[in-house]
Structure formats: C-alpha cells, structure tokens
Protein backbone atom coordinates (compact mmCIF):
# COMPACT_ATOMS: atom_id res chain seq x y z
CA ILE A 1 0.07 0.09 0.04
CA ASP A 2 1.30 3.39 -0.97
CA PHE A 3 0.65 5.47 2.22
CA ALA A 4 2.11 8.51 0.88
CA ALA A 5 -0.38 8.65 -2.12
CA LEU A 6 -3.19 7.80 0.09
CA SER A 7 -2.26 10.71 2.54
CA GLU A 8 -2.56 13.10 -0.35
CA LEU A 9 -6.20 11.97 -0.99
CA PHE A 10 -7.43 11.39 2.57
CA SER A 11 -6.83 13.25 5.94
CA PRO A 12 -4.85 11.17 8.52
CA ILE A 13 -8.12 10.70 10.46
CA VAL A 14 -10.00 9.12 7.73
CA LEU A 15 -6.88 6.92 6.89
CA GLU A 16 -6.53 5.84 10.29
CA ALA A 17 -10.24 4.97 10.39
CA MET A 18 -9.95 3.06 7.18
CA ILE A 19 -7.07 1.02 8.47
CA TYR A 20 -8.58 0.32 11.72
CA GLY A 21 -11.90 -0.84 9.87
CA VAL A 22 -9.94 -3.29 7.58
CA THR A 23 -7.86 -4.76 10.47
CA ARG A 24 -10.84 -4.79 13.00
CA PHE A 25 -13.16 -6.84 10.63
CA ASN A 26 -10.47 -8.77 9.02
CA LEU A 27 -11.38 -7.68 5.60
CA LEU A 28 -8.31 -8.72 3.96
CA ASP A 29 -8.93 -12.34 5.19
CA LYS A 30 -12.42 -12.22 3.47
CA ALA A 31 -11.49 -10.52 0.21
CA ASN A 32 -10.37 -12.40 -2.99
CA LEU A 33 -7.92 -9.85 -4.50
CA LEU A 34 -7.42 -11.96 -7.64
CA ASN A 35 -10.10 -13.97 -9.33
CA ALA A 36 -7.76 -15.89 -11.73
CA VAL A 37 -4.20 -16.05 -12.68
CA VAL A 38 -2.90 -17.65 -15.80
CA THR A 39 0.82 -18.33 -16.37
CA ASN A 40 2.61 -19.87 -19.25
CA VAL A 41 6.25 -21.23 -18.87
CA PRO A 42 7.58 -22.86 -21.96
CA GLY A 43 9.03 -26.40 -21.37
CA SER A 44 11.94 -27.80 -23.16
CA PRO A 45 11.78 -28.51 -26.77
CA LYS A 46 14.27 -31.27 -26.27
CA PRO A 47 13.62 -34.63 -24.49
CA ARG A 48 14.45 -34.56 -20.68
CA TYR A 49 15.41 -37.44 -18.53
CA ILE A 50 15.14 -38.24 -14.78
CA ALA A 51 17.16 -41.08 -13.49
CA GLY A 52 17.73 -42.40 -16.97
CA ALA A 53 13.80 -42.44 -17.86
CA LYS A 54 12.42 -40.01 -20.49
CA MET A 55 10.19 -37.43 -18.85
CA ILE A 56 6.80 -37.73 -20.92
CA SER A 57 4.55 -35.45 -18.76
CA ASN A 58 4.57 -33.28 -15.68
CA ILE A 59 2.05 -31.44 -13.59
CA PRO A 60 2.25 -27.72 -13.96
CA MET A 61 1.90 -25.97 -10.72
CA ALA A 62 2.18 -22.52 -9.19
CA PRO A 63 1.89 -21.26 -5.73
CA CYS A 64 -1.73 -20.35 -4.88
CA GLY A 65 -2.21 -17.71 -2.00
CA ASP A 66 -5.03 -17.16 0.28
CA THR A 67 -6.59 -14.34 -1.79
CA MET A 68 -6.54 -16.16 -5.07
CA GLY A 69 -9.62 -17.91 -6.48
CA LEU A 70 -7.91 -19.87 -9.27
CA ILE A 71 -4.54 -20.23 -10.81
CA ILE A 72 -4.16 -21.82 -14.21
CA THR A 73 -0.47 -22.96 -15.06
CA ILE A 74 0.39 -23.82 -18.50
CA THR A 75 3.67 -25.40 -19.78
CA SER A 76 4.72 -27.83 -22.29
CA THR A 77 7.06 -30.87 -23.16
CA GLU A 78 8.37 -31.69 -26.49
CA GLU A 79 4.93 -33.15 -27.47
CA LEU A 80 2.37 -31.99 -25.21
CA LEU A 81 0.66 -28.87 -23.86
CA LEU A 82 -0.06 -29.46 -20.11
CA ILE A 83 -2.54 -27.33 -18.22
CA GLY A 84 -2.96 -27.34 -14.33
CA TYR A 85 -5.76 -25.96 -12.35
CA HIS A 86 -5.26 -25.04 -8.74
CA GLY A 87 -7.34 -22.79 -6.49
CA CYS A 88 -10.03 -22.56 -3.91
CA GLY A 89 -12.80 -25.03 -4.28
CA GLU A 90 -15.40 -22.70 -2.80
CA ALA A 91 -14.59 -19.89 -5.40
CA ILE A 92 -15.40 -22.12 -8.57
CA ALA A 93 -19.09 -22.91 -8.37
CA ASP A 94 -19.06 -25.41 -11.21
CA LYS A 95 -15.56 -27.07 -11.54
CA GLU A 96 -16.79 -29.38 -14.25
CA LEU A 97 -17.88 -26.64 -16.48
CA LEU A 98 -14.52 -24.94 -16.09
CA VAL A 99 -12.81 -28.21 -17.36
CA ALA A 100 -15.37 -28.90 -20.06
CA GLY A 101 -14.80 -25.34 -21.33
CA ALA A 102 -11.00 -25.83 -21.41
CA ARG A 103 -11.54 -29.18 -23.22
CA GLU A 104 -13.73 -27.52 -25.78
CA ALA A 105 -11.20 -24.68 -26.34
CA VAL A 106 -8.38 -27.02 -26.86
CA ALA A 107 -10.49 -29.13 -29.39
CA ALA A 108 -11.25 -26.03 -31.30
CA LEU A 109 -7.61 -24.93 -31.31
CA GLN A 110 -6.69 -28.54 -32.56
CA SER A 111 -9.44 -28.26 -35.43
CA LYS A 112 -7.97 -24.93 -36.49
CA ARG A 113 -4.49 -26.19 -36.69
CA LYS A 114 -5.69 -29.29 -38.81
CA ASN A 115 -7.53 -27.10 -41.19
CA ARG A 116 -4.49 -24.90 -41.71
CA ALA A 117 -2.35 -27.92 -42.40
CA LYS A 118 -4.69 -29.08 -45.23
C-alpha cells in the first residue's frame, strides 16, 4: 500500500479509520483480491530424462495464495501442452464446467490447426 499517495487523498483521521476498519473486521482475510491468474512457462523442446527415464509429462503447478480464486498454469513438453488448475474449491461454483470449457477450447484450437495444415 502506498501510504504517501493515500495521505494526499485522505486526511490522517480518515486513513486511520479506514485502516482500523480493515484490520478490526479482518477484511483482507475475506476478500479475494485476484479472481484468476494464468501463467505460461515454455518447457524444453528437447527430451528430458530423470534417473535415465524419459520424462513424458509433468504437472504444472504454481503457488496459490489465500487471496486467489484460481490459478491456471500452462507448460509444455516436447510433444504435449499441459494445463494445471489449482485454487479455492469454494471460489469455483462449477468445476466441471471449467474443465469442459477448457477441453472445448483445446479441441477448437486443434481443429483450426488441422484445417490450416490442409
């Protein structure tokens, strides 16, 4: 929080009252500051090995904080695009709809790719 900028907008008494209210009623604990975060980290285009075995897949993950509803992490291997969903189960009313929508979007992208190749 930029208190210097806030102090230019509000008097010290108003600021103190606002901060008191936020802390007194634990408003930051109750607020979802982020609805969703999407990350994309490209994976290696070359094969990777763990203990001599070829890595064929992984589970993309990112840290999910208390104020996040959902974090979608996207990465790749040499052959696959991998998507991981992590977040607050209460924040997502219809989890099946989220996954179904993602599957439809991937299918549409694959269809477009096949049509371009023709």
